[in-house]
Structures are given as structure tokens and as C-alpha cells.
N, C-alpha and C. Protein backbone atom coordinates (compact mmCIF):
# COMPACT_ATOMS: atom_id res chain seq x y z
N MET A 1 116.69 95.22 99.89
CA MET A 1 115.38 95.65 99.42
C MET A 1 114.40 95.52 100.57
N LYS A 2 113.47 96.44 100.60
CA LYS A 2 112.39 96.40 101.58
C LYS A 2 111.07 96.66 100.86
N LEU A 3 110.08 95.84 101.18
CA LEU A 3 108.74 96.05 100.64
C LEU A 3 107.77 96.17 101.80
N VAL A 4 106.89 97.15 101.73
CA VAL A 4 105.75 97.24 102.64
C VAL A 4 104.54 96.94 101.78
N ILE A 5 103.88 95.83 102.11
CA ILE A 5 102.78 95.30 101.30
C ILE A 5 101.49 95.49 102.07
N GLN A 6 100.54 96.15 101.44
CA GLN A 6 99.24 96.37 102.06
C GLN A 6 98.15 95.78 101.17
N ARG A 7 97.34 94.92 101.77
CA ARG A 7 96.20 94.34 101.06
C ARG A 7 95.10 95.40 101.04
N VAL A 8 94.65 95.75 99.84
CA VAL A 8 93.71 96.87 99.71
C VAL A 8 92.47 96.49 98.91
N SER A 9 91.39 97.22 99.18
CA SER A 9 90.21 97.10 98.32
C SER A 9 90.27 98.16 97.23
N ASN A 10 91.08 99.21 97.47
CA ASN A 10 91.38 100.20 96.45
C ASN A 10 92.56 101.04 96.91
N ALA A 11 93.28 101.58 95.94
CA ALA A 11 94.42 102.44 96.25
C ALA A 11 94.71 103.29 95.03
N SER A 12 95.29 104.46 95.29
CA SER A 12 95.68 105.34 94.18
C SER A 12 96.88 106.17 94.59
N VAL A 13 97.57 106.68 93.60
CA VAL A 13 98.70 107.58 93.82
C VAL A 13 98.54 108.77 92.89
N SER A 14 98.78 109.95 93.44
CA SER A 14 98.62 111.19 92.68
C SER A 14 99.91 112.00 92.72
N VAL A 15 100.16 112.72 91.64
CA VAL A 15 101.24 113.68 91.55
C VAL A 15 100.65 114.97 91.01
N ASP A 16 100.89 116.09 91.67
CA ASP A 16 100.34 117.38 91.26
C ASP A 16 98.83 117.32 91.07
N ASN A 17 98.16 116.70 92.02
CA ASN A 17 96.69 116.57 92.03
C ASN A 17 96.13 115.77 90.86
N GLN A 18 96.96 115.00 90.18
CA GLN A 18 96.52 114.14 89.09
C GLN A 18 96.75 112.68 89.48
N VAL A 19 95.71 111.86 89.41
CA VAL A 19 95.87 110.43 89.70
C VAL A 19 96.68 109.81 88.57
N ILE A 20 97.81 109.18 88.93
CA ILE A 20 98.66 108.56 87.91
C ILE A 20 98.64 107.03 88.00
N GLY A 21 98.11 106.49 89.09
CA GLY A 21 98.00 105.06 89.26
C GLY A 21 96.83 104.75 90.17
N LYS A 22 96.03 103.73 89.80
CA LYS A 22 94.84 103.41 90.58
C LYS A 22 94.50 101.94 90.41
N ILE A 23 94.23 101.27 91.55
CA ILE A 23 93.82 99.87 91.49
C ILE A 23 92.60 99.64 92.36
N GLN A 24 91.98 98.51 92.13
CA GLN A 24 90.92 98.03 93.01
C GLN A 24 91.53 96.92 93.87
N LYS A 25 90.85 95.83 94.07
CA LYS A 25 91.33 94.76 94.95
C LYS A 25 92.73 94.30 94.55
N GLY A 26 93.63 94.32 95.52
CA GLY A 26 94.98 93.88 95.23
C GLY A 26 95.95 94.31 96.30
N LEU A 27 97.17 94.66 95.86
CA LEU A 27 98.24 95.01 96.78
C LEU A 27 98.86 96.34 96.42
N LEU A 28 98.96 97.22 97.42
CA LEU A 28 99.76 98.43 97.32
C LEU A 28 101.11 98.07 97.91
N VAL A 29 102.17 98.28 97.12
CA VAL A 29 103.51 97.89 97.56
C VAL A 29 104.43 99.11 97.52
N LEU A 30 104.95 99.47 98.69
CA LEU A 30 105.96 100.52 98.80
C LEU A 30 107.31 99.82 98.69
N ILE A 31 108.17 100.32 97.80
CA ILE A 31 109.43 99.64 97.48
C ILE A 31 110.62 100.52 97.84
N GLY A 32 111.47 99.98 98.70
CA GLY A 32 112.72 100.64 99.05
C GLY A 32 113.88 99.83 98.48
N VAL A 33 114.81 100.51 97.83
CA VAL A 33 115.94 99.85 97.18
C VAL A 33 117.24 100.35 97.81
N SER A 34 118.16 99.43 98.06
CA SER A 34 119.49 99.80 98.56
C SER A 34 120.51 99.66 97.43
N ASN A 35 121.71 100.14 97.66
CA ASN A 35 122.75 100.03 96.64
C ASN A 35 123.19 98.59 96.40
N GLU A 36 122.96 97.71 97.36
CA GLU A 36 123.34 96.31 97.21
C GLU A 36 122.34 95.51 96.39
N ASP A 37 121.15 96.04 96.17
CA ASP A 37 120.11 95.30 95.45
C ASP A 37 120.43 95.18 93.97
N THR A 38 120.07 94.03 93.41
CA THR A 38 120.30 93.73 92.00
C THR A 38 118.98 93.29 91.37
N THR A 39 119.02 93.01 90.07
CA THR A 39 117.82 92.47 89.42
C THR A 39 117.49 91.09 90.00
N GLU A 40 118.50 90.35 90.42
CA GLU A 40 118.25 89.05 91.05
C GLU A 40 117.52 89.23 92.38
N THR A 41 117.92 90.24 93.14
CA THR A 41 117.22 90.56 94.39
C THR A 41 115.76 90.89 94.09
N ALA A 42 115.54 91.72 93.09
CA ALA A 42 114.18 92.11 92.71
C ALA A 42 113.36 90.89 92.31
N ASP A 43 113.96 89.96 91.59
CA ASP A 43 113.25 88.74 91.18
C ASP A 43 112.80 87.93 92.40
N ILE A 44 113.67 87.80 93.40
CA ILE A 44 113.33 87.05 94.61
C ILE A 44 112.16 87.70 95.34
N TYR A 45 112.22 89.02 95.50
CA TYR A 45 111.15 89.73 96.20
C TYR A 45 109.84 89.70 95.42
N LEU A 46 109.93 89.84 94.11
CA LEU A 46 108.72 89.82 93.29
C LEU A 46 108.05 88.45 93.33
N LYS A 47 108.84 87.40 93.27
CA LYS A 47 108.28 86.04 93.35
C LYS A 47 107.55 85.85 94.67
N LYS A 48 108.19 86.27 95.76
CA LYS A 48 107.57 86.14 97.08
C LYS A 48 106.28 86.97 97.15
N LEU A 49 106.34 88.21 96.65
CA LEU A 49 105.18 89.10 96.66
C LEU A 49 103.99 88.50 95.91
N ILE A 50 104.22 88.02 94.72
CA ILE A 50 103.14 87.49 93.88
C ILE A 50 102.53 86.23 94.48
N ASN A 51 103.34 85.46 95.18
CA ASN A 51 102.86 84.17 95.70
C ASN A 51 102.40 84.20 97.16
N LEU A 52 102.53 85.35 97.83
CA LEU A 52 102.05 85.43 99.21
C LEU A 52 100.57 85.10 99.29
N ARG A 53 100.22 84.19 100.17
CA ARG A 53 98.81 83.80 100.32
C ARG A 53 98.21 84.64 101.45
N ILE A 54 97.77 85.85 101.07
CA ILE A 54 97.27 86.78 102.08
C ILE A 54 95.85 87.28 101.79
N PHE A 55 95.20 86.63 100.84
CA PHE A 55 93.79 86.94 100.57
C PHE A 55 92.94 85.80 101.12
N GLU A 56 91.75 86.16 101.60
CA GLU A 56 90.88 85.17 102.24
C GLU A 56 90.21 84.26 101.23
N ASP A 57 90.11 82.98 101.60
CA ASP A 57 89.37 82.01 100.80
C ASP A 57 87.91 82.01 101.26
N GLU A 58 87.13 81.05 100.77
CA GLU A 58 85.71 80.99 101.09
C GLU A 58 85.44 80.72 102.57
N ASN A 59 86.46 80.24 103.30
CA ASN A 59 86.32 79.97 104.72
C ASN A 59 86.90 81.09 105.60
N GLY A 60 87.31 82.20 104.97
CA GLY A 60 87.86 83.31 105.73
C GLY A 60 89.31 83.14 106.12
N LYS A 61 89.97 82.13 105.59
CA LYS A 61 91.39 81.88 105.89
C LYS A 61 92.26 82.56 104.84
N THR A 62 93.37 83.15 105.27
CA THR A 62 94.30 83.77 104.32
C THR A 62 95.06 82.65 103.62
N ASN A 63 94.52 82.26 102.48
CA ASN A 63 95.03 81.10 101.77
C ASN A 63 95.16 81.32 100.27
N LEU A 64 94.86 82.53 99.80
CA LEU A 64 94.88 82.80 98.36
C LEU A 64 95.92 83.86 98.01
N SER A 65 96.55 83.68 96.86
CA SER A 65 97.56 84.63 96.38
C SER A 65 96.91 85.69 95.50
N LEU A 66 97.71 86.64 95.09
CA LEU A 66 97.24 87.71 94.22
C LEU A 66 96.61 87.16 92.94
N SER A 67 97.24 86.19 92.32
CA SER A 67 96.70 85.63 91.07
C SER A 67 95.43 84.84 91.32
N ASP A 68 95.31 84.21 92.49
CA ASP A 68 94.09 83.45 92.82
C ASP A 68 92.86 84.33 92.87
N VAL A 69 93.04 85.61 93.22
CA VAL A 69 91.91 86.52 93.35
C VAL A 69 91.85 87.54 92.21
N ALA A 70 92.67 87.32 91.17
CA ALA A 70 92.76 88.26 90.05
C ALA A 70 93.03 89.68 90.56
N GLY A 71 93.94 89.78 91.51
CA GLY A 71 94.26 91.06 92.13
C GLY A 71 95.16 91.93 91.27
N GLU A 72 95.19 93.20 91.63
CA GLU A 72 95.97 94.21 90.91
C GLU A 72 97.11 94.69 91.80
N LEU A 73 98.12 95.30 91.18
CA LEU A 73 99.28 95.81 91.91
C LEU A 73 99.45 97.30 91.69
N LEU A 74 99.77 98.01 92.76
CA LEU A 74 100.19 99.41 92.67
C LEU A 74 101.57 99.47 93.32
N LEU A 75 102.60 99.73 92.49
CA LEU A 75 103.98 99.75 92.95
C LEU A 75 104.47 101.18 93.08
N VAL A 76 104.94 101.54 94.28
CA VAL A 76 105.35 102.92 94.57
C VAL A 76 106.74 102.90 95.19
N SER A 77 107.67 103.65 94.59
CA SER A 77 109.02 103.73 95.16
C SER A 77 108.99 104.59 96.42
N GLN A 78 109.78 104.18 97.43
CA GLN A 78 109.81 104.93 98.68
C GLN A 78 111.16 104.73 99.37
N PHE A 79 112.08 105.64 99.10
CA PHE A 79 113.42 105.54 99.68
C PHE A 79 113.41 105.68 101.19
N THR A 80 112.37 106.30 101.75
CA THR A 80 112.35 106.52 103.20
C THR A 80 112.21 105.22 103.99
N LEU A 81 111.96 104.11 103.32
CA LEU A 81 111.94 102.82 104.01
C LEU A 81 113.33 102.49 104.58
N TYR A 82 114.35 103.17 104.06
CA TYR A 82 115.71 102.96 104.55
C TYR A 82 116.14 104.01 105.57
N ALA A 83 115.19 104.67 106.19
CA ALA A 83 115.52 105.67 107.22
C ALA A 83 116.22 104.99 108.39
N ASP A 84 117.29 105.61 108.84
CA ASP A 84 118.01 105.16 110.02
C ASP A 84 117.79 106.22 111.10
N CYS A 85 117.11 105.82 112.17
CA CYS A 85 116.74 106.77 113.23
C CYS A 85 117.49 106.50 114.53
N LYS A 86 118.62 105.80 114.45
CA LYS A 86 119.35 105.44 115.66
C LYS A 86 119.97 106.63 116.36
N LYS A 87 120.49 107.57 115.59
CA LYS A 87 121.15 108.73 116.19
C LYS A 87 120.30 109.98 115.99
N GLY A 88 120.09 110.70 117.05
CA GLY A 88 119.36 111.96 116.95
C GLY A 88 117.91 111.78 116.55
N ASN A 89 117.32 112.88 116.13
CA ASN A 89 115.90 112.86 115.76
C ASN A 89 115.65 113.08 114.28
N ARG A 90 116.71 113.33 113.54
CA ARG A 90 116.56 113.50 112.10
C ARG A 90 117.03 112.23 111.41
N PRO A 91 116.14 111.55 110.66
CA PRO A 91 116.52 110.30 110.02
C PRO A 91 117.64 110.50 108.99
N SER A 92 118.48 109.49 108.91
CA SER A 92 119.52 109.44 107.88
C SER A 92 119.05 108.47 106.80
N PHE A 93 119.32 108.81 105.55
CA PHE A 93 118.91 107.96 104.44
C PHE A 93 120.13 107.43 103.69
N ILE A 94 121.24 107.34 104.39
CA ILE A 94 122.49 106.92 103.77
C ILE A 94 122.41 105.48 103.22
N ASN A 95 121.52 104.66 103.79
CA ASN A 95 121.39 103.28 103.34
C ASN A 95 120.47 103.10 102.14
N ALA A 96 119.78 104.15 101.76
CA ALA A 96 118.92 104.08 100.58
C ALA A 96 119.80 104.06 99.33
N GLY A 97 119.31 103.40 98.30
CA GLY A 97 120.06 103.31 97.05
C GLY A 97 120.21 104.67 96.38
N ALA A 98 121.31 104.84 95.67
CA ALA A 98 121.50 106.06 94.86
C ALA A 98 120.34 106.16 93.87
N PRO A 99 119.86 107.36 93.59
CA PRO A 99 118.67 107.52 92.75
C PRO A 99 118.72 106.77 91.41
N ASP A 100 119.81 106.86 90.68
CA ASP A 100 119.88 106.17 89.38
C ASP A 100 119.75 104.66 89.54
N HIS A 101 120.46 104.12 90.52
CA HIS A 101 120.42 102.67 90.76
C HIS A 101 119.03 102.25 91.23
N ALA A 102 118.48 102.97 92.21
CA ALA A 102 117.17 102.63 92.76
C ALA A 102 116.09 102.69 91.67
N ASN A 103 116.14 103.71 90.83
CA ASN A 103 115.16 103.82 89.76
C ASN A 103 115.29 102.65 88.78
N GLN A 104 116.51 102.26 88.47
CA GLN A 104 116.73 101.14 87.56
C GLN A 104 116.10 99.85 88.12
N ILE A 105 116.31 99.58 89.39
CA ILE A 105 115.74 98.38 90.01
C ILE A 105 114.22 98.49 90.11
N TYR A 106 113.71 99.66 90.46
CA TYR A 106 112.25 99.89 90.51
C TYR A 106 111.62 99.65 89.15
N GLU A 107 112.19 100.22 88.10
CA GLU A 107 111.65 100.03 86.75
C GLU A 107 111.72 98.57 86.32
N TYR A 108 112.78 97.89 86.71
CA TYR A 108 112.91 96.47 86.41
C TYR A 108 111.77 95.68 87.08
N MET A 109 111.50 95.99 88.36
CA MET A 109 110.41 95.31 89.06
C MET A 109 109.07 95.54 88.37
N ILE A 110 108.84 96.75 87.92
CA ILE A 110 107.59 97.05 87.21
C ILE A 110 107.49 96.21 85.94
N GLU A 111 108.56 96.20 85.18
CA GLU A 111 108.60 95.44 83.92
C GLU A 111 108.33 93.96 84.16
N GLN A 112 108.96 93.39 85.18
CA GLN A 112 108.77 91.97 85.48
C GLN A 112 107.36 91.70 86.03
N ALA A 113 106.85 92.59 86.86
CA ALA A 113 105.51 92.41 87.42
C ALA A 113 104.46 92.40 86.32
N LYS A 114 104.65 93.23 85.30
CA LYS A 114 103.68 93.29 84.20
C LYS A 114 103.63 91.99 83.41
N LYS A 115 104.65 91.18 83.51
CA LYS A 115 104.65 89.86 82.87
C LYS A 115 103.85 88.85 83.66
N LEU A 116 103.60 89.15 84.94
CA LEU A 116 102.97 88.20 85.85
C LEU A 116 101.57 88.58 86.31
N VAL A 117 101.28 89.86 86.26
CA VAL A 117 100.01 90.38 86.80
C VAL A 117 99.32 91.20 85.71
N PRO A 118 98.05 90.93 85.42
CA PRO A 118 97.36 91.65 84.34
C PRO A 118 97.31 93.16 84.50
N LYS A 119 97.13 93.66 85.73
CA LYS A 119 97.06 95.11 85.93
C LYS A 119 98.10 95.55 86.94
N VAL A 120 99.08 96.33 86.47
CA VAL A 120 100.12 96.89 87.33
C VAL A 120 100.13 98.40 87.11
N GLU A 121 99.91 99.14 88.17
CA GLU A 121 99.95 100.59 88.14
C GLU A 121 101.16 101.03 88.96
N THR A 122 101.59 102.28 88.77
CA THR A 122 102.79 102.74 89.46
C THR A 122 102.67 104.18 89.93
N GLY A 123 103.60 104.51 90.81
CA GLY A 123 103.83 105.90 91.18
C GLY A 123 104.85 106.47 90.21
N LYS A 124 105.43 107.60 90.57
CA LYS A 124 106.46 108.26 89.75
C LYS A 124 107.72 108.39 90.59
N PHE A 125 108.77 107.75 90.16
CA PHE A 125 110.01 107.74 90.92
C PHE A 125 110.48 109.16 91.20
N GLY A 126 110.81 109.44 92.46
CA GLY A 126 111.36 110.73 92.85
C GLY A 126 110.36 111.87 92.98
N ALA A 127 109.11 111.61 92.66
CA ALA A 127 108.10 112.67 92.73
C ALA A 127 107.52 112.79 94.14
N ASP A 128 106.92 113.94 94.42
CA ASP A 128 106.16 114.14 95.64
C ASP A 128 104.79 113.54 95.38
N MET A 129 104.53 112.37 95.96
CA MET A 129 103.30 111.63 95.67
C MET A 129 102.36 111.66 96.88
N LYS A 130 101.09 111.57 96.58
CA LYS A 130 100.06 111.40 97.59
C LYS A 130 99.44 110.03 97.34
N VAL A 131 99.46 109.18 98.37
CA VAL A 131 98.96 107.82 98.24
C VAL A 131 97.70 107.70 99.09
N SER A 132 96.65 107.17 98.49
CA SER A 132 95.39 106.92 99.20
C SER A 132 95.08 105.44 99.10
N LEU A 133 94.51 104.88 100.17
CA LEU A 133 94.20 103.47 100.14
C LEU A 133 93.14 103.12 101.15
N THR A 134 92.48 102.01 100.90
CA THR A 134 91.62 101.37 101.88
C THR A 134 92.27 100.03 102.16
N ASN A 135 92.90 99.94 103.32
CA ASN A 135 93.61 98.73 103.71
C ASN A 135 92.59 97.73 104.23
N GLU A 136 92.55 96.55 103.65
CA GLU A 136 91.60 95.51 104.05
C GLU A 136 92.19 94.72 105.21
N GLY A 137 91.54 94.74 106.33
CA GLY A 137 91.97 93.95 107.47
C GLY A 137 92.03 94.75 108.76
N PRO A 138 92.98 95.65 108.92
CA PRO A 138 94.09 95.99 108.04
C PRO A 138 95.09 94.83 107.95
N PHE A 139 95.69 94.71 106.80
CA PHE A 139 96.64 93.64 106.54
C PHE A 139 97.86 94.25 105.89
N THR A 140 98.97 94.31 106.64
CA THR A 140 100.22 94.90 106.17
C THR A 140 101.37 93.98 106.53
N ILE A 141 102.25 93.76 105.56
CA ILE A 141 103.41 92.89 105.75
C ILE A 141 104.65 93.65 105.30
N VAL A 142 105.73 93.52 106.07
CA VAL A 142 107.01 94.09 105.68
C VAL A 142 107.91 92.93 105.25
N LEU A 143 108.40 93.00 104.01
CA LEU A 143 109.36 92.02 103.51
C LEU A 143 110.74 92.65 103.46
N ASP A 144 111.69 92.08 104.15
CA ASP A 144 113.08 92.48 104.04
C ASP A 144 113.92 91.28 104.45
N ASN A 145 115.20 91.37 104.21
CA ASN A 145 116.13 90.29 104.56
C ASN A 145 115.80 88.95 103.91
N LEU A 146 115.29 88.96 102.69
CA LEU A 146 115.04 87.70 101.98
C LEU A 146 116.31 87.17 101.32
N THR A 147 117.29 88.03 101.13
CA THR A 147 118.51 87.58 100.46
C THR A 147 119.69 87.60 101.41
């Protein structure tokens, strides 16, 4: 599993010119799933994501988690996180999870996140999405190799 986490003051995702997910202060998370990922893998990544202390406290130190700041989540599937660009100039996506499996893990993460975070918005799996955001900092973290 790979997550690209961006601390945002706002973010949205649109499909066919319709906004389908929108948050204010929180985290925009691009989620890549491989065939080896399981619900247990998703649980590990979600726990780490929710508890990351990447929001500033009153002293300007990154010391607060998503729940500490009542932050929101926008979860967007993105198989291209598994692009392999070692050979040639056209990326290979052979390491990305099969669509049915990846969607199952993505939906599981959404379901579990909704138990932990008051506002969780999403993209649409497999759709051509347009993502807009205001990255605060900018602050971006890539999570992979946790398992």
C-alpha cells in the first residue's frame, strides 16, 4: 500500500464537472493498493494516518494529529502510485492491485475511517477525477513499506 498524504486547508474531487467530495482543514490522501494488500494492511496504514502529528500546535510545531484539530479526510484511489518507470518512458502499472481487489481494500479503508473521523469524503474508484487542493505548508508525506 502507498499513501500520499497532503495537509490541506481545503480540497475537493470532481467527476464529470460535479464535486463529489469536499473538505476543509484536514488531509487529502491518495491511496494506491497492491495485490498483496489486505484489510490488515489497510488497518495499519489507517492507524498511522489518523495518528500522524503533522498539524501545528500553538507554538508552530507539528505536534497535533487529525483528531486533535478536528480535521477532515478526503480519500482518493490512485493506482498510478504504483507506476514503475525503470524501463523505457512509458510507466508500467503491473504492481498496482487488480481493480476488484483494490476497490475492496479502498472501500474497506473508507468504512473504517468513518468510524474514526467525523467527516470523510471520497473520490470515485476508477473514475476520471479532477482533484483540487490548497496544500498547507506545503506539507506532503508518502507512506509506504509499513508492513
